[in-house]
Amino acid sequence: MEMFKRRIRQRALAEILEVSEPRLSELMQGKRELNMDFARRLYTRLNITADVIFSIAR
């Protein structure tokens, strides 16, 4: 949803968050659990609120 709102492609988002594209893809598909480091990056680099981050992590 955030990618769409910000008009960011997955490759650009991976670069912003400093993760590989395959890892980002796994996180987005729910194949990999969200860890605290990644949650912190979402918050600090994209200003995504904790409420949204925790709803993603479920």
PDB file of N, CA and C in Angstrom:
ATOM      1  N   MET A   1       0.831  -1.184   0.000  1.00  0.00           N
ATOM      2  CA  MET A   1       0.000   0.000   0.000  1.00  0.00           C
ATOM      3  C   MET A   1       0.881   1.255   0.000  1.00  0.00           C
ATOM      4  N   GLU A   2       1.886   1.264   0.867  1.00  0.00           N
ATOM      5  CA  GLU A   2       2.780   2.435   0.943  1.00  0.00           C
ATOM      6  C   GLU A   2       3.545   2.623  -0.361  1.00  0.00           C
ATOM      7  N   MET A   3       3.940   1.526  -0.986  1.00  0.00           N
ATOM      8  CA  MET A   3       4.648   1.633  -2.260  1.00  0.00           C
ATOM      9  C   MET A   3       3.758   2.313  -3.290  1.00  0.00           C
ATOM     10  N   PHE A   4       2.504   1.944  -3.316  1.00  0.00           N
ATOM     11  CA  PHE A   4       1.574   2.530  -4.270  1.00  0.00           C
ATOM     12  C   PHE A   4       1.364   4.019  -3.977  1.00  0.00           C
ATOM     13  N   LYS A   5       1.134   4.342  -2.708  1.00  0.00           N
ATOM     14  CA  LYS A   5       0.906   5.743  -2.334  1.00  0.00           C
ATOM     15  C   LYS A   5       2.101   6.618  -2.664  1.00  0.00           C
ATOM     16  N   ARG A   6       3.283   6.091  -2.469  1.00  0.00           N
ATOM     17  CA  ARG A   6       4.504   6.872  -2.688  1.00  0.00           C
ATOM     18  C   ARG A   6       5.051   6.716  -4.109  1.00  0.00           C
ATOM     19  N   ARG A   7       4.411   5.839  -4.879  1.00  0.00           N
ATOM     20  CA  ARG A   7       4.852   5.560  -6.253  1.00  0.00           C
ATOM     21  C   ARG A   7       6.310   5.117  -6.297  1.00  0.00           C
ATOM     22  N   ILE A   8       6.605   4.140  -5.460  1.00  0.00           N
ATOM     23  CA  ILE A   8       7.954   3.580  -5.362  1.00  0.00           C
ATOM     24  C   ILE A   8       7.910   2.138  -5.857  1.00  0.00           C
ATOM     25  N   ARG A   9       8.846   1.785  -6.673  1.00  0.00           N
ATOM     26  CA  ARG A   9       8.967   0.394  -7.122  1.00  0.00           C
ATOM     27  C   ARG A   9       9.744  -0.406  -6.075  1.00  0.00           C
ATOM     28  N   GLN A  10       9.600  -1.718  -6.165  1.00  0.00           N
ATOM     29  CA  GLN A  10      10.224  -2.593  -5.184  1.00  0.00           C
ATOM     30  C   GLN A  10      11.735  -2.411  -5.147  1.00  0.00           C
ATOM     31  N   ARG A  11      12.358  -2.248  -6.291  1.00  0.00           N
ATOM     32  CA  ARG A  11      13.809  -2.071  -6.351  1.00  0.00           C
ATOM     33  C   ARG A  11      14.227  -0.813  -5.582  1.00  0.00           C
ATOM     34  N   ALA A  12      13.514   0.286  -5.786  1.00  0.00           N
ATOM     35  CA  ALA A  12      13.830   1.547  -5.105  1.00  0.00           C
ATOM     36  C   ALA A  12      13.587   1.413  -3.608  1.00  0.00           C
ATOM     37  N   LEU A  13      12.509   0.740  -3.231  1.00  0.00           N
ATOM     38  CA  LEU A  13      12.217   0.554  -1.810  1.00  0.00           C
ATOM     39  C   LEU A  13      13.300  -0.282  -1.145  1.00  0.00           C
ATOM     40  N   ALA A  14      13.767  -1.308  -1.824  1.00  0.00           N
ATOM     41  CA  ALA A  14      14.845  -2.136  -1.285  1.00  0.00           C
ATOM     42  C   ALA A  14      16.101  -1.301  -1.060  1.00  0.00           C
ATOM     43  N   GLU A  15      16.392  -0.401  -1.986  1.00  0.00           N
ATOM     44  CA  GLU A  15      17.560   0.464  -1.833  1.00  0.00           C
ATOM     45  C   GLU A  15      17.385   1.421  -0.658  1.00  0.00           C
ATOM     46  N   ILE A  16      16.205   2.001  -0.526  1.00  0.00           N
ATOM     47  CA  ILE A  16      15.933   2.926   0.581  1.00  0.00           C
ATOM     48  C   ILE A  16      16.100   2.210   1.914  1.00  0.00           C
ATOM     49  N   LEU A  17      15.597   0.985   1.990  1.00  0.00           N
ATOM     50  CA  LEU A  17      15.630   0.227   3.243  1.00  0.00           C
ATOM     51  C   LEU A  17      16.920  -0.566   3.427  1.00  0.00           C
ATOM     52  N   GLU A  18      17.788  -0.522   2.419  1.00  0.00           N
ATOM     53  CA  GLU A  18      19.071  -1.224   2.446  1.00  0.00           C
ATOM     54  C   GLU A  18      18.918  -2.716   2.699  1.00  0.00           C
ATOM     55  N   VAL A  19      18.024  -3.336   1.907  1.00  0.00           N
ATOM     56  CA  VAL A  19      17.862  -4.791   1.922  1.00  0.00           C
ATOM     57  C   VAL A  19      17.870  -5.259   0.471  1.00  0.00           C
ATOM     58  N   SER A  20      18.102  -6.539   0.275  1.00  0.00           N
ATOM     59  CA  SER A  20      18.083  -7.065  -1.089  1.00  0.00           C
ATOM     60  C   SER A  20      16.636  -7.168  -1.569  1.00  0.00           C
ATOM     61  N   GLU A  21      16.467  -7.141  -2.876  1.00  0.00           N
ATOM     62  CA  GLU A  21      15.121  -7.273  -3.443  1.00  0.00           C
ATOM     63  C   GLU A  21      14.471  -8.610  -3.070  1.00  0.00           C
ATOM     64  N   PRO A  22      15.210  -9.726  -3.148  1.00  0.00           N
ATOM     65  CA  PRO A  22      14.581 -10.999  -2.757  1.00  0.00           C
ATOM     66  C   PRO A  22      14.121 -11.006  -1.294  1.00  0.00           C
ATOM     67  N   ARG A  23      14.925 -10.408  -0.417  1.00  0.00           N
ATOM     68  CA  ARG A  23      14.532 -10.375   0.992  1.00  0.00           C
ATOM     69  C   ARG A  23      13.291  -9.504   1.177  1.00  0.00           C
ATOM     70  N   LEU A  24      13.247  -8.357   0.516  1.00  0.00           N
ATOM     71  CA  LEU A  24      12.080  -7.492   0.604  1.00  0.00           C
ATOM     72  C   LEU A  24      10.849  -8.217   0.081  1.00  0.00           C
ATOM     73  N   SER A  25      11.000  -8.926  -1.019  1.00  0.00           N
ATOM     74  CA  SER A  25       9.898  -9.689  -1.588  1.00  0.00           C
ATOM     75  C   SER A  25       9.376 -10.730  -0.598  1.00  0.00           C
ATOM     76  N   GLU A  26      10.282 -11.442   0.057  1.00  0.00           N
ATOM     77  CA  GLU A  26       9.884 -12.440   1.049  1.00  0.00           C
ATOM     78  C   GLU A  26       9.141 -11.792   2.210  1.00  0.00           C
ATOM     79  N   LEU A  27       9.609 -10.643   2.651  1.00  0.00           N
ATOM     80  CA  LEU A  27       8.932  -9.924   3.734  1.00  0.00           C
ATOM     81  C   LEU A  27       7.532  -9.493   3.309  1.00  0.00           C
ATOM     82  N   MET A  28       7.419  -8.999   2.096  1.00  0.00           N
ATOM     83  CA  MET A  28       6.131  -8.512   1.604  1.00  0.00           C
ATOM     84  C   MET A  28       5.131  -9.651   1.402  1.00  0.00           C
ATOM     85  N   GLN A  29       5.630 -10.832   1.069  1.00  0.00           N
ATOM     86  CA  GLN A  29       4.764 -11.988   0.840  1.00  0.00           C
ATOM     87  C   GLN A  29       4.464 -12.760   2.122  1.00  0.00           C
ATOM     88  N   GLY A  30       5.091 -12.354   3.228  1.00  0.00           N
ATOM     89  CA  GLY A  30       4.870 -13.040   4.493  1.00  0.00           C
ATOM     90  C   GLY A  30       5.672 -14.309   4.643  1.00  0.00           C
ATOM     91  N   LYS A  31       6.650 -14.522   3.772  1.00  0.00           N
ATOM     92  CA  LYS A  31       7.492 -15.716   3.847  1.00  0.00           C
ATOM     93  C   LYS A  31       8.606 -15.547   4.877  1.00  0.00           C
ATOM     94  N   ARG A  32       8.862 -14.314   5.250  1.00  0.00           N
ATOM     95  CA  ARG A  32       9.895 -14.005   6.240  1.00  0.00           C
ATOM     96  C   ARG A  32       9.264 -13.073   7.261  1.00  0.00           C
ATOM     97  N   GLU A  33       9.575 -13.304   8.537  1.00  0.00           N
ATOM     98  CA  GLU A  33       9.008 -12.469   9.587  1.00  0.00           C
ATOM     99  C   GLU A  33       9.707 -11.121   9.664  1.00  0.00           C
ATOM    100  N   LEU A  34       8.948 -10.134  10.034  1.00  0.00           N
ATOM    101  CA  LEU A  34       9.458  -8.779  10.219  1.00  0.00           C
ATOM    102  C   LEU A  34      10.268  -8.737  11.513  1.00  0.00           C
ATOM    103  N   ASN A  35      11.527  -8.286  11.435  1.00  0.00           N
ATOM    104  CA  ASN A  35      12.328  -8.181  12.654  1.00  0.00           C
ATOM    105  C   ASN A  35      12.411  -6.707  13.086  1.00  0.00           C
ATOM    106  N   MET A  36      12.928  -6.478  14.261  1.00  0.00           N
ATOM    107  CA  MET A  36      12.957  -5.134  14.825  1.00  0.00           C
ATOM    108  C   MET A  36      13.800  -4.179  13.981  1.00  0.00           C
ATOM    109  N   ASP A  37      14.902  -4.651  13.444  1.00  0.00           N
ATOM    110  CA  ASP A  37      15.754  -3.800  12.614  1.00  0.00           C
ATOM    111  C   ASP A  37      14.997  -3.301  11.385  1.00  0.00           C
ATOM    112  N   PHE A  38      14.288  -4.199  10.717  1.00  0.00           N
ATOM    113  CA  PHE A  38      13.536  -3.811   9.535  1.00  0.00           C
ATOM    114  C   PHE A  38      12.389  -2.878   9.912  1.00  0.00           C
ATOM    115  N   ALA A  39      11.718  -3.156  11.008  1.00  0.00           N
ATOM    116  CA  ALA A  39      10.629  -2.283  11.482  1.00  0.00           C
ATOM    117  C   ALA A  39      11.164  -0.884  11.768  1.00  0.00           C
ATOM    118  N   ARG A  40      12.340  -0.811  12.355  1.00  0.00           N
ATOM    119  CA  ARG A  40      12.958   0.490  12.653  1.00  0.00           C
ATOM    120  C   ARG A  40      13.259   1.246  11.353  1.00  0.00           C
ATOM    121  N   ARG A  41      13.720   0.536  10.345  1.00  0.00           N
ATOM    122  CA  ARG A  41      13.997   1.175   9.053  1.00  0.00           C
ATOM    123  C   ARG A  41      12.711   1.715   8.419  1.00  0.00           C
ATOM    124  N   LEU A  42      11.641   0.933   8.505  1.00  0.00           N
ATOM    125  CA  LEU A  42      10.360   1.416   7.975  1.00  0.00           C
ATOM    126  C   LEU A  42       9.944   2.710   8.666  1.00  0.00           C
ATOM    127  N   TYR A  43      10.144   2.753   9.963  1.00  0.00           N
ATOM    128  CA  TYR A  43       9.750   3.924  10.740  1.00  0.00           C
ATOM    129  C   TYR A  43      10.648   5.132  10.443  1.00  0.00           C
ATOM    130  N   THR A  44      11.949   4.941  10.473  1.00  0.00           N
ATOM    131  CA  THR A  44      12.855   6.078  10.340  1.00  0.00           C
ATOM    132  C   THR A  44      13.001   6.578   8.909  1.00  0.00           C
ATOM    133  N   ARG A  45      12.966   5.682   7.940  1.00  0.00           N
ATOM    134  CA  ARG A  45      13.214   6.097   6.554  1.00  0.00           C
ATOM    135  C   ARG A  45      11.947   6.428   5.777  1.00  0.00           C
ATOM    136  N   LEU A  46      10.823   5.835   6.197  1.00  0.00           N
ATOM    137  CA  LEU A  46       9.579   6.069   5.469  1.00  0.00           C
ATOM    138  C   LEU A  46       8.501   6.725   6.324  1.00  0.00           C
ATOM    139  N   ASN A  47       8.803   6.944   7.604  1.00  0.00           N
ATOM    140  CA  ASN A  47       7.844   7.545   8.540  1.00  0.00           C
ATOM    141  C   ASN A  47       6.544   6.761   8.622  1.00  0.00           C
ATOM    142  N   ILE A  48       6.657   5.447   8.576  1.00  0.00           N
ATOM    143  CA  ILE A  48       5.482   4.585   8.734  1.00  0.00           C
ATOM    144  C   ILE A  48       5.280   4.388  10.230  1.00  0.00           C
ATOM    145  N   THR A  49       4.074   4.639  10.691  1.00  0.00           N
ATOM    146  CA  THR A  49       3.793   4.582  12.127  1.00  0.00           C
ATOM    147  C   THR A  49       3.886   3.162  12.670  1.00  0.00           C
ATOM    148  N   ALA A  50       4.103   3.083  13.958  1.00  0.00           N
ATOM    149  CA  ALA A  50       4.213   1.784  14.629  1.00  0.00           C
ATOM    150  C   ALA A  50       2.931   0.976  14.470  1.00  0.00           C
ATOM    151  N   ASP A  51       1.782   1.634  14.479  1.00  0.00           N
ATOM    152  CA  ASP A  51       0.516   0.925  14.302  1.00  0.00           C
ATOM    153  C   ASP A  51       0.493   0.147  12.991  1.00  0.00           C
ATOM    154  N   VAL A  52       0.920   0.797  11.938  1.00  0.00           N
ATOM    155  CA  VAL A  52       0.931   0.152  10.617  1.00  0.00           C
ATOM    156  C   VAL A  52       1.967  -0.967  10.597  1.00  0.00           C
ATOM    157  N   ILE A  53       3.123  -0.721  11.151  1.00  0.00           N
ATOM    158  CA  ILE A  53       4.184  -1.736  11.165  1.00  0.00           C
ATOM    159  C   ILE A  53       3.734  -2.979  11.925  1.00  0.00           C
ATOM    160  N   PHE A  54       3.110  -2.785  13.082  1.00  0.00           N
ATOM    161  CA  PHE A  54       2.657  -3.946  13.862  1.00  0.00           C
ATOM    162  C   PHE A  54       1.510  -4.690  13.159  1.00  0.00           C
ATOM    163  N   SER A  55       0.686  -3.967  12.430  1.00  0.00           N
ATOM    164  CA  SER A  55      -0.396  -4.658  11.702  1.00  0.00           C
ATOM    165  C   SER A  55       0.190  -5.504  10.563  1.00  0.00           C
ATOM    166  N   ILE A  56       1.309  -5.050   9.984  1.00  0.00           N
ATOM    167  CA  ILE A  56       1.979  -5.824   8.940  1.00  0.00           C
ATOM    168  C   ILE A  56       2.608  -7.081   9.536  1.00  0.00           C
ATOM    169  N   ALA A  57       3.135  -6.952  10.732  1.00  0.00           N
ATOM    170  CA  ALA A  57       3.878  -8.039  11.354  1.00  0.00           C
ATOM    171  C   ALA A  57       2.977  -9.206  11.771  1.00  0.00           C
ATOM    172  N   ARG A  58       1.690  -9.015  11.835  1.00  0.00           N
ATOM    173  CA  ARG A  58       0.781 -10.089  12.282  1.00  0.00           C
ATOM    174  C   ARG A  58       0.560 -11.125  11.256  1.00  0.00           C
TER     175      ARG A  58
END
